[in-house]
């Protein structure tokens, strides 16, 4: 079991640069991937960015060059630095991780609202 707790978010003006953080606890030794999804009203949840443990990162095309994901293994946290925010980035942002080996499981944070005002 892995527990994820997010912080950050809130109301931001367009062009702003907030930072989201997520702290993991529990069976953190088994984490394979950590990342962020988001869900806007009336839309499906979509991947924003992910980072494989000790490996590569992946970004949605819509955030490439604006968002940066980072992971601190010592602190068991994953962060999302968001720059040049746009109103269309408004969504609930969820921290997630995949942990375990055959089988592996996905875990989710409670979500944090990011609202970008124009």
PDB file of N, CA and C in Angstrom:
ATOM      1  N   UNK A   1       0.843  -1.190   0.000  1.00  0.00           N
ATOM      2  CA  UNK A   1       0.000   0.000   0.000  1.00  0.00           C
ATOM      3  C   UNK A   1       0.881   1.243   0.000  1.00  0.00           C
ATOM      4  N   UNK A   2       0.446   2.212  -0.773  1.00  0.00           N
ATOM      5  CA  UNK A   2       1.139   3.500  -0.825  1.00  0.00           C
ATOM      6  C   UNK A   2       0.108   4.592  -0.613  1.00  0.00           C
ATOM      7  N   UNK A   3       0.433   5.534   0.244  1.00  0.00           N
ATOM      8  CA  UNK A   3      -0.448   6.675   0.481  1.00  0.00           C
ATOM      9  C   UNK A   3       0.197   7.905  -0.124  1.00  0.00           C
ATOM     10  N   UNK A   4      -0.606   8.679  -0.851  1.00  0.00           N
ATOM     11  CA  UNK A   4      -0.109   9.880  -1.530  1.00  0.00           C
ATOM     12  C   UNK A   4      -0.878  11.094  -1.014  1.00  0.00           C
ATOM     13  N   UNK A   5      -0.138  12.128  -0.642  1.00  0.00           N
ATOM     14  CA  UNK A   5      -0.756  13.357  -0.146  1.00  0.00           C
ATOM     15  C   UNK A   5      -0.209  14.534  -0.935  1.00  0.00           C
ATOM     16  N   UNK A   6      -1.102  15.252  -1.603  1.00  0.00           N
ATOM     17  CA  UNK A   6      -0.704  16.383  -2.443  1.00  0.00           C
ATOM     18  C   UNK A   6      -0.774  17.698  -1.675  1.00  0.00           C
ATOM     19  N   UNK A   7      -0.018  18.654  -2.153  1.00  0.00           N
ATOM     20  CA  UNK A   7      -0.095  20.020  -1.648  1.00  0.00           C
ATOM     21  C   UNK A   7       0.191  20.960  -2.803  1.00  0.00           C
ATOM     22  N   UNK A   8      -0.231  22.206  -2.627  1.00  0.00           N
ATOM     23  CA  UNK A   8      -0.072  23.192  -3.680  1.00  0.00           C
ATOM     24  C   UNK A   8      -1.387  23.391  -4.409  1.00  0.00           C
ATOM     25  N   UNK A   9      -1.363  24.123  -5.461  1.00  0.00           N
ATOM     26  CA  UNK A   9      -2.569  24.408  -6.226  1.00  0.00           C
ATOM     27  C   UNK A   9      -3.252  25.666  -5.728  1.00  0.00           C
ATOM     28  N   UNK A  10      -4.500  25.816  -6.133  1.00  0.00           N
ATOM     29  CA  UNK A  10      -5.265  26.989  -5.768  1.00  0.00           C
ATOM     30  C   UNK A  10      -5.583  27.849  -6.978  1.00  0.00           C
ATOM     31  N   UNK A  11      -5.887  29.105  -6.723  1.00  0.00           N
ATOM     32  CA  UNK A  11      -6.233  30.046  -7.786  1.00  0.00           C
ATOM     33  C   UNK A  11      -4.970  30.768  -8.249  1.00  0.00           C
ATOM     34  N   UNK A  12      -4.715  30.719  -9.541  1.00  0.00           N
ATOM     35  CA  UNK A  12      -3.499  31.294 -10.108  1.00  0.00           C
ATOM     36  C   UNK A  12      -3.870  32.132 -11.321  1.00  0.00           C
ATOM     37  N   UNK A  13      -3.182  33.219 -11.530  1.00  0.00           N
ATOM     38  CA  UNK A  13      -3.401  34.021 -12.735  1.00  0.00           C
ATOM     39  C   UNK A  13      -2.705  33.377 -13.927  1.00  0.00           C
ATOM     40  N   UNK A  14      -3.247  33.590 -15.094  1.00  0.00           N
ATOM     41  CA  UNK A  14      -2.606  33.099 -16.307  1.00  0.00           C
ATOM     42  C   UNK A  14      -1.165  33.608 -16.362  1.00  0.00           C
ATOM     43  N   UNK A  15      -0.275  32.713 -16.740  1.00  0.00           N
ATOM     44  CA  UNK A  15       1.141  33.051 -16.776  1.00  0.00           C
ATOM     45  C   UNK A  15       1.876  32.738 -15.481  1.00  0.00           C
ATOM     46  N   UNK A  16       1.120  32.345 -14.461  1.00  0.00           N
ATOM     47  CA  UNK A  16       1.712  32.039 -13.162  1.00  0.00           C
ATOM     48  C   UNK A  16       2.510  30.754 -13.158  1.00  0.00           C
ATOM     49  N   UNK A  17       3.204  30.512 -12.041  1.00  0.00           N
ATOM     50  CA  UNK A  17       4.112  29.361 -11.949  1.00  0.00           C
ATOM     51  C   UNK A  17       3.978  28.665 -10.597  1.00  0.00           C
ATOM     52  N   UNK A  18       2.864  28.025 -10.352  1.00  0.00           N
ATOM     53  CA  UNK A  18       2.731  27.291  -9.088  1.00  0.00           C
ATOM     54  C   UNK A  18       3.470  25.961  -9.125  1.00  0.00           C
ATOM     55  N   UNK A  19       3.637  25.392  -7.967  1.00  0.00           N
ATOM     56  CA  UNK A  19       4.319  24.097  -7.833  1.00  0.00           C
ATOM     57  C   UNK A  19       3.446  23.171  -7.003  1.00  0.00           C
ATOM     58  N   UNK A  20       3.233  21.997  -7.535  1.00  0.00           N
ATOM     59  CA  UNK A  20       2.508  20.959  -6.808  1.00  0.00           C
ATOM     60  C   UNK A  20       3.510  19.962  -6.238  1.00  0.00           C
ATOM     61  N   UNK A  21       3.221  19.481  -5.043  1.00  0.00           N
ATOM     62  CA  UNK A  21       4.072  18.467  -4.435  1.00  0.00           C
ATOM     63  C   UNK A  21       3.221  17.305  -3.960  1.00  0.00           C
ATOM     64  N   UNK A  22       3.839  16.137  -3.914  1.00  0.00           N
ATOM     65  CA  UNK A  22       3.138  14.935  -3.480  1.00  0.00           C
ATOM     66  C   UNK A  22       4.096  14.112  -2.642  1.00  0.00           C
ATOM     67  N   UNK A  23       3.681  13.770  -1.434  1.00  0.00           N
ATOM     68  CA  UNK A  23       4.505  12.964  -0.536  1.00  0.00           C
ATOM     69  C   UNK A  23       3.950  11.549  -0.474  1.00  0.00           C
ATOM     70  N   UNK A  24       4.831  10.587  -0.650  1.00  0.00           N
ATOM     71  CA  UNK A  24       4.437   9.181  -0.614  1.00  0.00           C
ATOM     72  C   UNK A  24       4.865   8.547   0.700  1.00  0.00           C
ATOM     73  N   UNK A  25       4.031   7.662   1.215  1.00  0.00           N
ATOM     74  CA  UNK A  25       4.366   6.906   2.415  1.00  0.00           C
ATOM     75  C   UNK A  25       3.825   5.484   2.270  1.00  0.00           C
ATOM     76  N   UNK A  26       4.332   4.584   3.079  1.00  0.00           N
ATOM     77  CA  UNK A  26       3.913   3.185   2.978  1.00  0.00           C
ATOM     78  C   UNK A  26       4.971   2.365   2.271  1.00  0.00           C
ATOM     79  N   UNK A  27       4.559   1.562   1.315  1.00  0.00           N
ATOM     80  CA  UNK A  27       5.470   0.644   0.604  1.00  0.00           C
ATOM     81  C   UNK A  27       6.195   1.361  -0.512  1.00  0.00           C
ATOM     82  N   UNK A  28       6.946   2.391  -0.136  1.00  0.00           N
ATOM     83  CA  UNK A  28       7.581   3.252  -1.141  1.00  0.00           C
ATOM     84  C   UNK A  28       8.712   2.561  -1.863  1.00  0.00           C
ATOM     85  N   UNK A  29       9.252   1.490  -1.280  1.00  0.00           N
ATOM     86  CA  UNK A  29      10.362   0.787  -1.915  1.00  0.00           C
ATOM     87  C   UNK A  29       9.930   0.106  -3.202  1.00  0.00           C
ATOM     88  N   UNK A  30       8.617  -0.085  -3.354  1.00  0.00           N
ATOM     89  CA  UNK A  30       8.102  -0.825  -4.504  1.00  0.00           C
ATOM     90  C   UNK A  30       7.571   0.071  -5.623  1.00  0.00           C
ATOM     91  N   UNK A  31       7.799   1.384  -5.486  1.00  0.00           N
ATOM     92  CA  UNK A  31       7.260   2.311  -6.488  1.00  0.00           C
ATOM     93  C   UNK A  31       8.014   2.180  -7.804  1.00  0.00           C
ATOM     94  N   UNK A  32       7.273   2.018  -8.886  1.00  0.00           N
ATOM     95  CA  UNK A  32       7.844   1.906 -10.225  1.00  0.00           C
ATOM     96  C   UNK A  32       7.784   3.234 -10.984  1.00  0.00           C
ATOM     97  N   UNK A  33       6.663   3.933 -10.839  1.00  0.00           N
ATOM     98  CA  UNK A  33       6.427   5.177 -11.566  1.00  0.00           C
ATOM     99  C   UNK A  33       5.685   6.133 -10.642  1.00  0.00           C
ATOM    100  N   UNK A  34       6.024   7.401 -10.712  1.00  0.00           N
ATOM    101  CA  UNK A  34       5.239   8.439 -10.045  1.00  0.00           C
ATOM    102  C   UNK A  34       4.918   9.513 -11.058  1.00  0.00           C
ATOM    103  N   UNK A  35       3.797  10.164 -10.855  1.00  0.00           N
ATOM    104  CA  UNK A  35       3.454  11.203 -11.813  1.00  0.00           C
ATOM    105  C   UNK A  35       2.203  11.960 -11.429  1.00  0.00           C
ATOM    106  N   UNK A  36       1.697  12.682 -12.412  1.00  0.00           N
ATOM    107  CA  UNK A  36       0.526  13.528 -12.219  1.00  0.00           C
ATOM    108  C   UNK A  36      -0.459  13.339 -13.365  1.00  0.00           C
ATOM    109  N   UNK A  37      -1.725  13.244 -13.009  1.00  0.00           N
ATOM    110  CA  UNK A  37      -2.830  13.290 -13.952  1.00  0.00           C
ATOM    111  C   UNK A  37      -3.654  14.533 -13.623  1.00  0.00           C
ATOM    112  N   UNK A  38      -4.518  14.889 -14.539  1.00  0.00           N
ATOM    113  CA  UNK A  38      -5.465  15.964 -14.265  1.00  0.00           C
ATOM    114  C   UNK A  38      -6.800  15.668 -14.909  1.00  0.00           C
ATOM    115  N   UNK A  39      -7.838  16.243 -14.329  1.00  0.00           N
ATOM    116  CA  UNK A  39      -9.179  16.078 -14.883  1.00  0.00           C
ATOM    117  C   UNK A  39      -9.902  17.413 -14.838  1.00  0.00           C
ATOM    118  N   UNK A  40     -10.236  17.896 -16.009  1.00  0.00           N
ATOM    119  CA  UNK A  40     -10.997  19.131 -16.136  1.00  0.00           C
ATOM    120  C   UNK A  40     -12.489  18.793 -16.143  1.00  0.00           C
ATOM    121  N   UNK A  41     -13.356  19.742 -15.800  1.00  0.00           N
ATOM    122  CA  UNK A  41     -14.796  19.483 -15.793  1.00  0.00           C
ATOM    123  C   UNK A  41     -15.289  18.965 -17.139  1.00  0.00           C
ATOM    124  N   UNK A  42     -16.005  17.866 -17.103  1.00  0.00           N
ATOM    125  CA  UNK A  42     -16.570  17.307 -18.321  1.00  0.00           C
ATOM    126  C   UNK A  42     -15.599  16.563 -19.200  1.00  0.00           C
ATOM    127  N   UNK A  43     -14.373  16.390 -18.728  1.00  0.00           N
ATOM    128  CA  UNK A  43     -13.356  15.698 -19.523  1.00  0.00           C
ATOM    129  C   UNK A  43     -12.812  14.489 -18.772  1.00  0.00           C
ATOM    130  N   UNK A  44     -12.185  13.619 -19.549  1.00  0.00           N
ATOM    131  CA  UNK A  44     -11.569  12.439 -18.940  1.00  0.00           C
ATOM    132  C   UNK A  44     -10.262  12.815 -18.250  1.00  0.00           C
ATOM    133  N   UNK A  45      -9.890  12.004 -17.288  1.00  0.00           N
ATOM    134  CA  UNK A  45      -8.616  12.192 -16.617  1.00  0.00           C
ATOM    135  C   UNK A  45      -7.501  11.909 -17.630  1.00  0.00           C
ATOM    136  N   UNK A  46      -6.490  12.782 -17.646  1.00  0.00           N
ATOM    137  CA  UNK A  46      -5.402  12.616 -18.602  1.00  0.00           C
ATOM    138  C   UNK A  46      -4.059  12.712 -17.908  1.00  0.00           C
ATOM    139  N   UNK A  47      -3.089  12.010 -18.486  1.00  0.00           N
ATOM    140  CA  UNK A  47      -1.734  12.061 -17.960  1.00  0.00           C
ATOM    141  C   UNK A  47      -1.120  13.425 -18.247  1.00  0.00           C
ATOM    142  N   UNK A  48      -0.499  13.996 -17.232  1.00  0.00           N
ATOM    143  CA  UNK A  48       0.221  15.256 -17.397  1.00  0.00           C
ATOM    144  C   UNK A  48       1.714  14.976 -17.537  1.00  0.00           C
ATOM    145  N   UNK A  49       2.267  14.250 -16.570  1.00  0.00           N
ATOM    146  CA  UNK A  49       3.695  13.938 -16.585  1.00  0.00           C
ATOM    147  C   UNK A  49       3.940  12.734 -15.690  1.00  0.00           C
ATOM    148  N   UNK A  50       4.949  11.969 -16.033  1.00  0.00           N
ATOM    149  CA  UNK A  50       5.300  10.815 -15.209  1.00  0.00           C
ATOM    150  C   UNK A  50       6.801  10.620 -15.226  1.00  0.00           C
ATOM    151  N   UNK A  51       7.301   9.962 -14.190  1.00  0.00           N
ATOM    152  CA  UNK A  51       8.732   9.703 -14.090  1.00  0.00           C
ATOM    153  C   UNK A  51       8.936   8.284 -13.582  1.00  0.00           C
ATOM    154  N   UNK A  52       9.614   7.496 -14.382  1.00  0.00           N
ATOM    155  CA  UNK A  52       9.941   6.128 -13.990  1.00  0.00           C
ATOM    156  C   UNK A  52      11.062   6.170 -12.959  1.00  0.00           C
ATOM    157  N   UNK A  53      10.975   5.316 -11.951  1.00  0.00           N
ATOM    158  CA  UNK A  53      12.014   5.280 -10.927  1.00  0.00           C
ATOM    159  C   UNK A  53      13.366   5.012 -11.573  1.00  0.00           C
ATOM    160  N   UNK A  54      14.280   5.977 -11.398  1.00  0.00           N
ATOM    161  CA  UNK A  54      15.606   5.835 -11.959  1.00  0.00           C
ATOM    162  C   UNK A  54      15.638   5.892 -13.470  1.00  0.00           C
ATOM    163  N   UNK A  55      14.548   6.368 -14.062  1.00  0.00           N
ATOM    164  CA  UNK A  55      14.483   6.359 -15.522  1.00  0.00           C
ATOM    165  C   UNK A  55      13.920   7.626 -16.110  1.00  0.00           C
ATOM    166  N   UNK A  56      13.252   7.462 -17.225  1.00  0.00           N
ATOM    167  CA  UNK A  56      12.859   8.592 -18.056  1.00  0.00           C
ATOM    168  C   UNK A  56      11.592   9.278 -17.561  1.00  0.00           C
ATOM    169  N   UNK A  57      11.361  10.446 -18.134  1.00  0.00           N
ATOM    170  CA  UNK A  57      10.143  11.206 -17.882  1.00  0.00           C
ATOM    171  C   UNK A  57       9.292  11.239 -19.145  1.00  0.00           C
ATOM    172  N   UNK A  58       8.011  11.511 -18.945  1.00  0.00           N
ATOM    173  CA  UNK A  58       7.071  11.576 -20.058  1.00  0.00           C
ATOM    174  C   UNK A  58       6.119  12.726 -19.786  1.00  0.00           C
ATOM    175  N   UNK A  59       5.822  13.505 -20.826  1.00  0.00           N
ATOM    176  CA  UNK A  59       4.933  14.655 -20.680  1.00  0.00           C
ATOM    177  C   UNK A  59       3.835  14.614 -21.738  1.00  0.00           C
ATOM    178  N   UNK A  60       2.689  15.129 -21.363  1.00  0.00           N
ATOM    179  CA  UNK A  60       1.636  15.358 -22.347  1.00  0.00           C
ATOM    180  C   UNK A  60       2.104  16.459 -23.286  1.00  0.00           C
ATOM    181  N   UNK A  61       1.723  16.371 -24.541  1.00  0.00           N
ATOM    182  CA  UNK A  61       2.139  17.384 -25.516  1.00  0.00           C
ATOM    183  C   UNK A  61       1.713  18.781 -25.088  1.00  0.00           C
ATOM    184  N   UNK A  62       0.569  18.876 -24.443  1.00  0.00           N
ATOM    185  CA  UNK A  62       0.024  20.179 -24.083  1.00  0.00           C
ATOM    186  C   UNK A  62       0.833  20.893 -23.000  1.00  0.00           C
ATOM    187  N   UNK A  63       1.710  20.165 -22.298  1.00  0.00           N
ATOM    188  CA  UNK A  63       2.469  20.804 -21.214  1.00  0.00           C
ATOM    189  C   UNK A  63       3.966  20.793 -21.461  1.00  0.00           C
ATOM    190  N   UNK A  64       4.392  20.153 -22.534  1.00  0.00           N
ATOM    191  CA  UNK A  64       5.830  20.096 -22.830  1.00  0.00           C
ATOM    192  C   UNK A  64       6.410  21.494 -22.942  1.00  0.00           C
ATOM    193  N   UNK A  65       7.539  21.690 -22.291  1.00  0.00           N
ATOM    194  CA  UNK A  65       8.203  22.981 -22.307  1.00  0.00           C
ATOM    195  C   UNK A  65       7.685  23.950 -21.260  1.00  0.00           C
ATOM    196  N   UNK A  66       6.563  23.603 -20.603  1.00  0.00           N
ATOM    197  CA  UNK A  66       6.013  24.483 -19.566  1.00  0.00           C
ATOM    198  C   UNK A  66       6.037  23.840 -18.180  1.00  0.00           C
ATOM    199  N   UNK A  67       5.823  22.529 -18.139  1.00  0.00           N
ATOM    200  CA  UNK A  67       5.785  21.810 -16.864  1.00  0.00           C
ATOM    201  C   UNK A  67       7.038  20.955 -16.722  1.00  0.00           C
ATOM    202  N   UNK A  68       7.491  20.803 -15.484  1.00  0.00           N
ATOM    203  CA  UNK A  68       8.633  19.942 -15.200  1.00  0.00           C
ATOM    204  C   UNK A  68       8.321  19.068 -14.001  1.00  0.00           C
ATOM    205  N   UNK A  69       8.500  17.769 -14.171  1.00  0.00           N
ATOM    206  CA  UNK A  69       8.306  16.834 -13.071  1.00  0.00           C
ATOM    207  C   UNK A  69       9.657  16.487 -12.473  1.00  0.00           C
ATOM    208  N   UNK A  70       9.691  16.390 -11.160  1.00  0.00           N
ATOM    209  CA  UNK A  70      10.921  16.007 -10.489  1.00  0.00           C
ATOM    210  C   UNK A  70      10.584  15.096  -9.316  1.00  0.00           C
ATOM    211  N   UNK A  71      11.537  14.260  -8.978  1.00  0.00           N
ATOM    212  CA  UNK A  71      11.310  13.315  -7.892  1.00  0.00           C
ATOM    213  C   UNK A  71      12.497  13.342  -6.951  1.00  0.00           C
ATOM    214  N   UNK A  72      12.204  13.399  -5.674  1.00  0.00           N
ATOM    215  CA  UNK A  72      13.230  13.359  -4.648  1.00  0.00           C
ATOM    216  C   UNK A  72      13.101  12.015  -3.941  1.00  0.00           C
ATOM    217  N   UNK A  73      13.985  11.094  -4.280  1.00  0.00           N
ATOM    218  CA  UNK A  73      13.880   9.757  -3.711  1.00  0.00           C
ATOM    219  C   UNK A  73      14.142   9.754  -2.211  1.00  0.00           C
ATOM    220  N   UNK A  74      15.012  10.646  -1.754  1.00  0.00           N
ATOM    221  CA  UNK A  74      15.336  10.689  -0.325  1.00  0.00           C
ATOM    222  C   UNK A  74      14.125  11.131   0.494  1.00  0.00           C
ATOM    223  N   UNK A  75      13.349  12.056  -0.063  1.00  0.00           N
ATOM    224  CA  UNK A  75      12.183  12.580   0.645  1.00  0.00           C
ATOM    225  C   UNK A  75      10.899  11.878   0.222  1.00  0.00           C
ATOM    226  N   UNK A  76      10.996  10.984  -0.758  1.00  0.00           N
ATOM    227  CA  UNK A  76       9.821  10.271  -1.268  1.00  0.00           C
ATOM    228  C   UNK A  76       8.733  11.214  -1.724  1.00  0.00           C
ATOM    229  N   UNK A  77       9.151  12.203  -2.499  1.00  0.00           N
ATOM    230  CA  UNK A  77       8.197  13.172  -3.030  1.00  0.00           C
ATOM    231  C   UNK A  77       8.330  13.275  -4.540  1.00  0.00           C
ATOM    232  N   UNK A  78       7.263  13.694  -5.158  1.00  0.00           N
ATOM    233  CA  UNK A  78       7.291  14.039  -6.576  1.00  0.00           C
ATOM    234  C   UNK A  78       6.635  15.407  -6.711  1.00  0.00           C
ATOM    235  N   UNK A  79       7.242  16.257  -7.514  1.00  0.00           N
ATOM    236  CA  UNK A  79       6.745  17.618  -7.670  1.00  0.00           C
ATOM    237  C   UNK A  79       6.468  17.916  -9.131  1.00  0.00           C
ATOM    238  N   UNK A  80       5.605  18.881  -9.331  1.00  0.00           N
ATOM    239  CA  UNK A  80       5.285  19.336 -10.682  1.00  0.00           C
ATOM    240  C   UNK A  80       5.403  20.851 -10.695  1.00  0.00           C
ATOM    241  N   UNK A  81       6.443  21.342 -11.341  1.00  0.00           N
ATOM    242  CA  UNK A  81       6.607  22.778 -11.514  1.00  0.00           C
ATOM    243  C   UNK A  81       5.857  23.190 -12.773  1.00  0.00           C
ATOM    244  N   UNK A  82       4.888  24.055 -12.609  1.00  0.00           N
ATOM    245  CA  UNK A  82       4.054  24.471 -13.726  1.00  0.00           C
ATOM    246  C   UNK A  82       4.364  25.927 -14.046  1.00  0.00           C
ATOM    247  N   UNK A  83       4.771  26.210 -15.245  1.00  0.00           N
ATOM    248  CA  UNK A  83       5.077  27.568 -15.683  1.00  0.00           C
ATOM    249  C   UNK A  83       4.145  27.979 -16.820  1.00  0.00           C
ATOM    250  N   UNK A  84       4.026  29.275 -16.998  1.00  0.00           N
ATOM    251  CA  UNK A  84       3.234  29.824 -18.098  1.00  0.00           C
ATOM    252  C   UNK A  84       1.838  29.199 -18.150  1.00  0.00           C
ATOM    253  N   UNK A  85       1.169  29.186 -17.020  1.00  0.00           N
ATOM    254  CA  UNK A  85      -0.135  28.549 -16.956  1.00  0.00           C
ATOM    255  C   UNK A  85      -1.143  29.242 -17.860  1.00  0.00           C
ATOM    256  N   UNK A  86      -2.051  28.423 -18.402  1.00  0.00           N
ATOM    257  CA  UNK A  86      -3.113  28.899 -19.262  1.00  0.00           C
ATOM    258  C   UNK A  86      -4.459  28.531 -18.632  1.00  0.00           C
ATOM    259  N   UNK A  87      -5.519  29.237 -18.998  1.00  0.00           N
ATOM    260  CA  UNK A  87      -6.839  28.871 -18.454  1.00  0.00           C
ATOM    261  C   UNK A  87      -7.205  27.415 -18.724  1.00  0.00           C
ATOM    262  N   UNK A  88      -6.746  26.874 -19.833  1.00  0.00           N
ATOM    263  CA  UNK A  88      -7.072  25.476 -20.147  1.00  0.00           C
ATOM    264  C   UNK A  88      -6.313  24.482 -19.282  1.00  0.00           C
ATOM    265  N   UNK A  89      -5.411  24.952 -18.442  1.00  0.00           N
ATOM    266  CA  UNK A  89      -4.749  24.067 -17.473  1.00  0.00           C
ATOM    267  C   UNK A  89      -5.598  23.880 -16.215  1.00  0.00           C
ATOM    268  N   UNK A  90      -6.715  24.600 -16.140  1.00  0.00           N
ATOM    269  CA  UNK A  90      -7.605  24.466 -14.998  1.00  0.00           C
ATOM    270  C   UNK A  90      -8.121  23.044 -14.894  1.00  0.00           C
ATOM    271  N   UNK A  91      -7.925  22.425 -13.725  1.00  0.00           N
ATOM    272  CA  UNK A  91      -8.318  21.035 -13.533  1.00  0.00           C
ATOM    273  C   UNK A  91      -8.029  20.642 -12.094  1.00  0.00           C
ATOM    274  N   UNK A  92      -8.525  19.474 -11.729  1.00  0.00           N
ATOM    275  CA  UNK A  92      -8.078  18.836 -10.493  1.00  0.00           C
ATOM    276  C   UNK A  92      -6.862  17.993 -10.853  1.00  0.00           C
ATOM    277  N   UNK A  93      -5.788  18.198 -10.154  1.00  0.00           N
ATOM    278  CA  UNK A  93      -4.540  17.481 -10.418  1.00  0.00           C
ATOM    279  C   UNK A  93      -4.373  16.374  -9.375  1.00  0.00           C
ATOM    280  N   UNK A  94      -4.103  15.178  -9.883  1.00  0.00           N
ATOM    281  CA  UNK A  94      -3.971  14.004  -9.027  1.00  0.00           C
ATOM    282  C   UNK A  94      -2.555  13.450  -9.098  1.00  0.00           C
ATOM    283  N   UNK A  95      -1.976  13.233  -7.961  1.00  0.00           N
ATOM    284  CA  UNK A  95      -0.713  12.510  -7.882  1.00  0.00           C
ATOM    285  C   UNK A  95      -1.025  11.018  -7.990  1.00  0.00           C
ATOM    286  N   UNK A  96      -0.163  10.289  -8.679  1.00  0.00           N
ATOM    287  CA  UNK A  96      -0.387   8.850  -8.753  1.00  0.00           C
ATOM    288  C   UNK A  96       0.952   8.122  -8.727  1.00  0.00           C
ATOM    289  N   UNK A  97       0.883   6.868  -8.394  1.00  0.00           N
ATOM    290  CA  UNK A  97       2.064   6.037  -8.538  1.00  0.00           C
ATOM    291  C   UNK A  97       1.644   4.619  -8.864  1.00  0.00           C
ATOM    292  N   UNK A  98       2.533   3.923  -9.492  1.00  0.00           N
ATOM    293  CA  UNK A  98       2.384   2.508  -9.751  1.00  0.00           C
ATOM    294  C   UNK A  98       3.427   1.801  -8.905  1.00  0.00           C
ATOM    295  N   UNK A  99       2.993   0.834  -8.151  1.00  0.00           N
ATOM    296  CA  UNK A  99       3.914   0.157  -7.234  1.00  0.00           C
ATOM    297  C   UNK A  99       3.646  -1.342  -7.220  1.00  0.00           C
ATOM    298  N   UNK A 100       4.681  -2.085  -6.916  1.00  0.00           N
ATOM    299  CA  UNK A 100       4.568  -3.532  -6.829  1.00  0.00           C
ATOM    300  C   UNK A 100       5.106  -4.216  -8.062  1.00  0.00           C
ATOM    301  N   UNK A 101       5.256  -5.534  -7.949  1.00  0.00           N
ATOM    302  CA  UNK A 101       5.786  -6.342  -9.047  1.00  0.00           C
ATOM    303  C   UNK A 101       4.935  -7.581  -9.210  1.00  0.00           C
ATOM    304  N   UNK A 102       4.280  -7.690 -10.327  1.00  0.00           N
ATOM    305  CA  UNK A 102       3.509  -8.862 -10.680  1.00  0.00           C
ATOM    306  C   UNK A 102       2.648  -9.397  -9.553  1.00  0.00           C
ATOM    307  N   UNK A 103       1.556  -8.756  -9.181  1.00  0.00           N
ATOM    308  CA  UNK A 103       1.006  -7.624  -9.931  1.00  0.00           C
ATOM    309  C   UNK A 103       1.493  -6.289  -9.385  1.00  0.00           C
ATOM    310  N   UNK A 104       1.293  -5.280 -10.154  1.00  0.00           N
ATOM    311  CA  UNK A 104       1.510  -3.914  -9.686  1.00  0.00           C
ATOM    312  C   UNK A 104       0.150  -3.235  -9.584  1.00  0.00           C
ATOM    313  N   UNK A 105       0.119  -2.172  -8.781  1.00  0.00           N
ATOM    314  CA  UNK A 105      -1.130  -1.469  -8.523  1.00  0.00           C
ATOM    315  C   UNK A 105      -0.933   0.032  -8.696  1.00  0.00           C
ATOM    316  N   UNK A 106      -1.997   0.710  -9.060  1.00  0.00           N
ATOM    317  CA  UNK A 106      -1.989   2.167  -9.136  1.00  0.00           C
ATOM    318  C   UNK A 106      -2.599   2.749  -7.872  1.00  0.00           C
ATOM    319  N   UNK A 107      -1.984   3.798  -7.384  1.00  0.00           N
ATOM    320  CA  UNK A 107      -2.476   4.512  -6.206  1.00  0.00           C
ATOM    321  C   UNK A 107      -2.667   5.978  -6.573  1.00  0.00           C
ATOM    322  N   UNK A 108      -3.636   6.609  -5.905  1.00  0.00           N
ATOM    323  CA  UNK A 108      -3.995   7.997  -6.236  1.00  0.00           C
ATOM    324  C   UNK A 108      -4.046   8.858  -4.990  1.00  0.00           C
ATOM    325  N   UNK A 109      -3.653  10.114  -5.162  1.00  0.00           N
ATOM    326  CA  UNK A 109      -3.878  11.097  -4.133  1.00  0.00           C
ATOM    327  C   UNK A 109      -5.309  11.577  -4.186  1.00  0.00           C
ATOM    328  N   UNK A 110      -5.654  12.490  -3.274  1.00  0.00           N
ATOM    329  CA  UNK A 110      -7.038  12.968  -3.190  1.00  0.00           C
ATOM    330  C   UNK A 110      -7.346  14.039  -4.216  1.00  0.00           C
ATOM    331  N   UNK A 111      -6.316  14.566  -4.855  1.00  0.00           N
ATOM    332  CA  UNK A 111      -6.517  15.599  -5.866  1.00  0.00           C
ATOM    333  C   UNK A 111      -6.412  16.993  -5.281  1.00  0.00           C
ATOM    334  N   UNK A 112      -5.894  17.911  -6.081  1.00  0.00           N
ATOM    335  CA  UNK A 112      -5.810  19.306  -5.675  1.00  0.00           C
ATOM    336  C   UNK A 112      -6.246  20.182  -6.838  1.00  0.00           C
ATOM    337  N   UNK A 113      -7.085  21.145  -6.565  1.00  0.00           N
ATOM    338  CA  UNK A 113      -7.664  21.990  -7.609  1.00  0.00           C
ATOM    339  C   UNK A 113      -6.663  23.072  -8.017  1.00  0.00           C
ATOM    340  N   UNK A 114      -6.492  23.215  -9.312  1.00  0.00           N
ATOM    341  CA  UNK A 114      -5.733  24.336  -9.868  1.00  0.00           C
ATOM    342  C   UNK A 114      -6.685  25.089 -10.786  1.00  0.00           C
ATOM    343  N   UNK A 115      -6.914  26.352 -10.490  1.00  0.00           N
ATOM    344  CA  UNK A 115      -7.788  27.191 -11.301  1.00  0.00           C
ATOM    345  C   UNK A 115      -6.975  28.357 -11.836  1.00  0.00           C
ATOM    346  N   UNK A 116      -6.961  28.488 -13.157  1.00  0.00           N
ATOM    347  CA  UNK A 116      -6.186  29.539 -13.800  1.00  0.00           C
ATOM    348  C   UNK A 116      -7.141  30.610 -14.309  1.00  0.00           C
ATOM    349  N   UNK A 117      -6.996  31.810 -13.810  1.00  0.00           N
ATOM    350  CA  UNK A 117      -7.845  32.914 -14.229  1.00  0.00           C
ATOM    351  C   UNK A 117      -7.170  33.693 -15.351  1.00  0.00           C
ATOM    352  N   UNK A 118      -7.967  34.135 -16.279  1.00  0.00           N
ATOM    353  CA  UNK A 118      -7.417  34.855 -17.431  1.00  0.00           C
ATOM    354  C   UNK A 118      -7.377  36.359 -17.182  1.00  0.00           C
TER     355      UNK A 118
END
